[in-house]
PDB file of N, CA and C in Angstrom:
ATOM      1  N   MET A   1      -1.578  12.004 -44.830  1.00  0.00           N
ATOM      2  CA  MET A   1      -1.991  10.060 -44.340  1.00  0.00           C
ATOM      3  C   MET A   1      -0.783   9.459 -44.766  1.00  0.00           C
ATOM      4  N   GLU A   2       0.429  10.027 -45.188  1.00  0.00           N
ATOM      5  CA  GLU A   2       1.165   9.106 -45.156  1.00  0.00           C
ATOM      6  C   GLU A   2       2.013   8.870 -43.594  1.00  0.00           C
ATOM      7  N   SER A   3       2.383   9.895 -42.760  1.00  0.00           N
ATOM      8  CA  SER A   3       2.329  10.399 -42.025  1.00  0.00           C
ATOM      9  C   SER A   3       2.517   8.953 -40.237  1.00  0.00           C
ATOM     10  N   LEU A   4       0.324   8.962 -41.216  1.00  0.00           N
ATOM     11  CA  LEU A   4      -0.013   7.907 -39.791  1.00  0.00           C
ATOM     12  C   LEU A   4       0.504   6.638 -40.217  1.00  0.00           C
ATOM     13  N   ILE A   5       1.148   6.307 -41.400  1.00  0.00           N
ATOM     14  CA  ILE A   5       1.850   4.924 -41.796  1.00  0.00           C
ATOM     15  C   ILE A   5       2.841   4.618 -40.809  1.00  0.00           C
ATOM     16  N   ILE A   6       3.716   5.686 -40.220  1.00  0.00           N
ATOM     17  CA  ILE A   6       4.626   5.847 -39.256  1.00  0.00           C
ATOM     18  C   ILE A   6       4.602   6.225 -37.920  1.00  0.00           C
ATOM     19  N   LEU A   7       3.935   6.884 -37.554  1.00  0.00           N
ATOM     20  CA  LEU A   7       3.374   7.380 -36.638  1.00  0.00           C
ATOM     21  C   LEU A   7       2.437   6.225 -35.761  1.00  0.00           C
ATOM     22  N   ILE A   8       1.418   5.369 -36.332  1.00  0.00           N
ATOM     23  CA  ILE A   8       0.584   4.411 -35.514  1.00  0.00           C
ATOM     24  C   ILE A   8       1.355   3.402 -35.222  1.00  0.00           C
ATOM     25  N   PRO A   9       2.781   2.750 -35.975  1.00  0.00           N
ATOM     26  CA  PRO A   9       3.437   1.841 -36.041  1.00  0.00           C
ATOM     27  C   PRO A   9       4.284   2.377 -33.943  1.00  0.00           C
ATOM     28  N   LEU A  10       4.717   4.254 -34.541  1.00  0.00           N
ATOM     29  CA  LEU A  10       5.517   3.974 -33.436  1.00  0.00           C
ATOM     30  C   LEU A  10       4.770   4.015 -32.792  1.00  0.00           C
ATOM     31  N   ALA A  11       3.419   4.699 -32.155  1.00  0.00           N
ATOM     32  CA  ALA A  11       2.893   4.581 -31.177  1.00  0.00           C
ATOM     33  C   ALA A  11       2.750   3.738 -30.377  1.00  0.00           C
ATOM     34  N   LEU A  12       2.378   2.546 -30.935  1.00  0.00           N
ATOM     35  CA  LEU A  12       2.136   1.237 -30.441  1.00  0.00           C
ATOM     36  C   LEU A  12       3.708   0.516 -29.638  1.00  0.00           C
ATOM     37  N   ILE A  13       4.594   0.623 -30.838  1.00  0.00           N
ATOM     38  CA  ILE A  13       5.631   0.037 -30.028  1.00  0.00           C
ATOM     39  C   ILE A  13       6.336   0.900 -28.277  1.00  0.00           C
ATOM     40  N   ILE A  14       5.655   2.262 -28.571  1.00  0.00           N
ATOM     41  CA  ILE A  14       6.049   3.621 -27.277  1.00  0.00           C
ATOM     42  C   ILE A  14       5.332   2.771 -25.759  1.00  0.00           C
ATOM     43  N   VAL A  15       4.125   2.290 -26.312  1.00  0.00           N
ATOM     44  CA  VAL A  15       2.523   1.632 -25.140  1.00  0.00           C
ATOM     45  C   VAL A  15       3.809   0.623 -24.526  1.00  0.00           C
ATOM     46  N   ALA A  16       3.779  -0.066 -26.007  1.00  0.00           N
ATOM     47  CA  ALA A  16       4.065  -1.341 -25.470  1.00  0.00           C
ATOM     48  C   ALA A  16       5.527  -0.931 -24.937  1.00  0.00           C
ATOM     49  N   LEU A  17       6.214  -0.594 -24.529  1.00  0.00           N
ATOM     50  CA  LEU A  17       7.822  -0.303 -23.831  1.00  0.00           C
ATOM     51  C   LEU A  17       7.699  -0.236 -22.641  1.00  0.00           C
ATOM     52  N   ALA A  18       6.135   1.493 -22.351  1.00  0.00           N
ATOM     53  CA  ALA A  18       5.813   1.515 -20.895  1.00  0.00           C
ATOM     54  C   ALA A  18       5.366   0.389 -20.364  1.00  0.00           C
ATOM     55  N   VAL A  19       4.548   0.059 -21.187  1.00  0.00           N
ATOM     56  CA  VAL A  19       4.082  -1.171 -20.082  1.00  0.00           C
ATOM     57  C   VAL A  19       4.846  -2.779 -19.900  1.00  0.00           C
ATOM     58  N   GLY A  20       5.593  -2.684 -20.839  1.00  0.00           N
ATOM     59  CA  GLY A  20       7.273  -3.625 -20.634  1.00  0.00           C
ATOM     60  C   GLY A  20       7.269  -2.759 -19.133  1.00  0.00           C
ATOM     61  N   ILE A  21       7.931  -1.909 -19.197  1.00  0.00           N
ATOM     62  CA  ILE A  21       8.217  -1.111 -17.994  1.00  0.00           C
ATOM     63  C   ILE A  21       8.392  -0.838 -17.065  1.00  0.00           C
ATOM     64  N   PHE A  22       6.768  -0.976 -17.013  1.00  0.00           N
ATOM     65  CA  PHE A  22       5.727  -1.180 -15.976  1.00  0.00           C
ATOM     66  C   PHE A  22       5.882  -2.053 -15.273  1.00  0.00           C
ATOM     67  N   PHE A  23       5.547  -3.117 -16.548  1.00  0.00           N
ATOM     68  CA  PHE A  23       5.922  -4.798 -15.325  1.00  0.00           C
ATOM     69  C   PHE A  23       6.467  -5.092 -14.900  1.00  0.00           C
ATOM     70  N   TRP A  24       8.222  -4.524 -15.821  1.00  0.00           N
ATOM     71  CA  TRP A  24       9.069  -4.548 -14.671  1.00  0.00           C
ATOM     72  C   TRP A  24       9.362  -4.272 -13.387  1.00  0.00           C
ATOM     73  N   ALA A  25       8.933  -2.772 -13.575  1.00  0.00           N
ATOM     74  CA  ALA A  25       9.147  -2.743 -11.848  1.00  0.00           C
ATOM     75  C   ALA A  25       8.042  -3.432 -11.122  1.00  0.00           C
ATOM     76  N   VAL A  26       6.751  -2.933 -11.606  1.00  0.00           N
ATOM     77  CA  VAL A  26       6.189  -4.231 -10.139  1.00  0.00           C
ATOM     78  C   VAL A  26       7.059  -5.490  -9.977  1.00  0.00           C
ATOM     79  N   ASP A  27       7.469  -6.873 -11.150  1.00  0.00           N
ATOM     80  CA  ASP A  27       8.182  -7.773 -10.788  1.00  0.00           C
ATOM     81  C   ASP A  27       9.538  -7.733  -9.674  1.00  0.00           C
ATOM     82  N   ASN A  28       9.908  -6.619  -9.758  1.00  0.00           N
ATOM     83  CA  ASN A  28      11.347  -6.097  -9.305  1.00  0.00           C
ATOM     84  C   ASN A  28      10.845  -5.046  -8.101  1.00  0.00           C
ATOM     85  N   GLU A  29       9.615  -5.396  -7.667  1.00  0.00           N
ATOM     86  CA  GLU A  29       9.281  -4.508  -6.031  1.00  0.00           C
ATOM     87  C   GLU A  29       9.450  -2.978  -6.015  1.00  0.00           C
ATOM     88  N   GLN A  30       9.611  -2.350  -7.720  1.00  0.00           N
ATOM     89  CA  GLN A  30       9.538  -0.951  -7.275  1.00  0.00           C
ATOM     90  C   GLN A  30       8.269  -0.207  -6.202  1.00  0.00           C
ATOM     91  N   PHE A  31       7.291  -0.975  -6.603  1.00  0.00           N
ATOM     92  CA  PHE A  31       6.344   0.042  -5.804  1.00  0.00           C
ATOM     93  C   PHE A  31       6.044  -1.267  -4.227  1.00  0.00           C
ATOM     94  N   ASP A  32       6.830  -1.673  -3.836  1.00  0.00           N
ATOM     95  CA  ASP A  32       6.076  -1.923  -2.384  1.00  0.00           C
ATOM     96  C   ASP A  32       6.000  -1.364  -1.049  1.00  0.00           C
ATOM     97  N   ASP A  33       6.629  -0.043  -1.236  1.00  0.00           N
ATOM     98  CA  ASP A  33       7.018   0.706  -0.030  1.00  0.00           C
ATOM     99  C   ASP A  33       6.612   1.813  -0.430  1.00  0.00           C
ATOM    100  N   LEU A  34       5.835   2.734  -0.951  1.00  0.00           N
ATOM    101  CA  LEU A  34       5.750   4.135  -1.537  1.00  0.00           C
ATOM    102  C   LEU A  34       5.662   4.610  -0.251  1.00  0.00           C
ATOM    103  N   GLU A  35       5.581   4.404   1.657  1.00  0.00           N
ATOM    104  CA  GLU A  35       4.665   5.306   2.256  1.00  0.00           C
ATOM    105  C   GLU A  35       6.314   5.169   3.123  1.00  0.00           C
ATOM    106  N   GLY A  36       7.032   4.763   3.233  1.00  0.00           N
ATOM    107  CA  GLY A  36       8.415   4.069   4.225  1.00  0.00           C
ATOM    108  C   GLY A  36       9.530   5.305   3.676  1.00  0.00           C
ATOM    109  N   PRO A  37      10.226   5.864   2.258  1.00  0.00           N
ATOM    110  CA  PRO A  37      10.652   7.105   2.382  1.00  0.00           C
ATOM    111  C   PRO A  37      10.384   7.926   2.523  1.00  0.00           C
ATOM    112  N   ALA A  38       8.813   8.322   2.604  1.00  0.00           N
ATOM    113  CA  ALA A  38       8.484   9.682   2.749  1.00  0.00           C
ATOM    114  C   ALA A  38       8.116   9.594   4.206  1.00  0.00           C
ATOM    115  N   HIS A  39       7.707   9.019   5.186  1.00  0.00           N
ATOM    116  CA  HIS A  39       8.287   8.941   6.083  1.00  0.00           C
ATOM    117  C   HIS A  39       9.420   8.686   7.673  1.00  0.00           C
ATOM    118  N   SER A  40      10.300   8.312   6.375  1.00  0.00           N
ATOM    119  CA  SER A  40      11.501   7.857   7.117  1.00  0.00           C
ATOM    120  C   SER A  40      12.618   9.320   7.437  1.00  0.00           C
ATOM    121  N   ILE A  41      12.030  10.495   6.779  1.00  0.00           N
ATOM    122  CA  ILE A  41      12.274  11.809   6.948  1.00  0.00           C
ATOM    123  C   ILE A  41      12.187  12.628   8.054  1.00  0.00           C
ATOM    124  N   LEU A  42      11.260  12.126   8.951  1.00  0.00           N
ATOM    125  CA  LEU A  42      10.390  12.481   9.939  1.00  0.00           C
ATOM    126  C   LEU A  42      11.476  12.038  11.034  1.00  0.00           C
ATOM    127  N   PHE A  43      12.133  10.953  11.192  1.00  0.00           N
ATOM    128  CA  PHE A  43      12.548  10.081  11.997  1.00  0.00           C
ATOM    129  C   PHE A  43      13.709  11.100  12.191  1.00  0.00           C
ATOM    130  N   ASP A  44      14.440  10.901  13.543  1.00  0.00           N
ATOM    131  CA  ASP A  44      15.794  11.387  13.728  1.00  0.00           C
ATOM    132  C   ASP A  44      16.552  10.317  14.049  1.00  0.00           C
ATOM    133  N   ASP A  45      17.686  10.328  13.069  1.00  0.00           N
ATOM    134  CA  ASP A  45      18.995   9.622  13.189  1.00  0.00           C
ATOM    135  C   ASP A  45      20.240  10.190  14.012  1.00  0.00           C
ATOM    136  N   ASP A  46      20.213  11.328  15.329  1.00  0.00           N
ATOM    137  CA  ASP A  46      20.922  12.314  15.570  1.00  0.00           C
ATOM    138  C   ASP A  46      21.111  10.954  16.631  1.00  0.00           C
ATOM    139  N   ILE A  47      20.641   9.591  16.613  1.00  0.00           N
ATOM    140  CA  ILE A  47      21.850   8.900  17.913  1.00  0.00           C
ATOM    141  C   ILE A  47      23.391   8.416  17.931  1.00  0.00           C
ATOM    142  N   VAL A  48      23.525   8.564  18.444  1.00  0.00           N
ATOM    143  CA  VAL A  48      25.553   8.540  18.650  1.00  0.00           C
ATOM    144  C   VAL A  48      25.487   7.151  19.656  1.00  0.00           C
ATOM    145  N   LYS A  49      26.747   6.354  19.111  1.00  0.00           N
ATOM    146  CA  LYS A  49      26.731   5.380  19.521  1.00  0.00           C
ATOM    147  C   LYS A  49      27.778   4.987  19.925  1.00  0.00           C
ATOM    148  N   LYS A  50      28.463   4.373  20.691  1.00  0.00           N
ATOM    149  CA  LYS A  50      29.341   4.260  22.114  1.00  0.00           C
ATOM    150  C   LYS A  50      29.497   3.023  21.274  1.00  0.00           C
ATOM    151  N   ASN A  51      31.675   3.726  20.970  1.00  0.00           N
ATOM    152  CA  ASN A  51      32.495   2.409  20.439  1.00  0.00           C
ATOM    153  C   ASN A  51      33.045   1.721  21.269  1.00  0.00           C
ATOM    154  N   GLY A  52      33.714   2.576  22.076  1.00  0.00           N
ATOM    155  CA  GLY A  52      35.098   2.450  22.735  1.00  0.00           C
ATOM    156  C   GLY A  52      35.118   2.765  24.253  1.00  0.00           C
ATOM    157  N   PRO A  53      36.005   2.540  25.111  1.00  0.00           N
ATOM    158  CA  PRO A  53      35.710   2.411  26.670  1.00  0.00           C
ATOM    159  C   PRO A  53      35.760   4.348  26.267  1.00  0.00           C
ATOM    160  N   TYR A  54      36.804   4.543  25.892  1.00  0.00           N
ATOM    161  CA  TYR A  54      36.619   6.473  26.251  1.00  0.00           C
ATOM    162  C   TYR A  54      35.504   7.490  25.090  1.00  0.00           C
ATOM    163  N   ASP A  55      34.827   6.965  24.664  1.00  0.00           N
ATOM    164  CA  ASP A  55      33.799   7.699  23.579  1.00  0.00           C
ATOM    165  C   ASP A  55      32.486   8.085  24.855  1.00  0.00           C
ATOM    166  N   GLN A  56      32.272   9.305  24.424  1.00  0.00           N
ATOM    167  CA  GLN A  56      30.863   9.723  25.912  1.00  0.00           C
ATOM    168  C   GLN A  56      29.475  10.086  24.923  1.00  0.00           C
TER     169      GLN A  56
END
């Protein structure tokens, strides 16, 4: 029973920390584009840029 005196406040601190981290991530726009990185792997990036007159 004495361990509950330590575990309940510890659990409340961990939950408050997790909620704070979640709201920080939302404020810093971490969840704005969830599908973009998943779809970017499907695009072809093999386009060669020509920089000079002798590049082919």
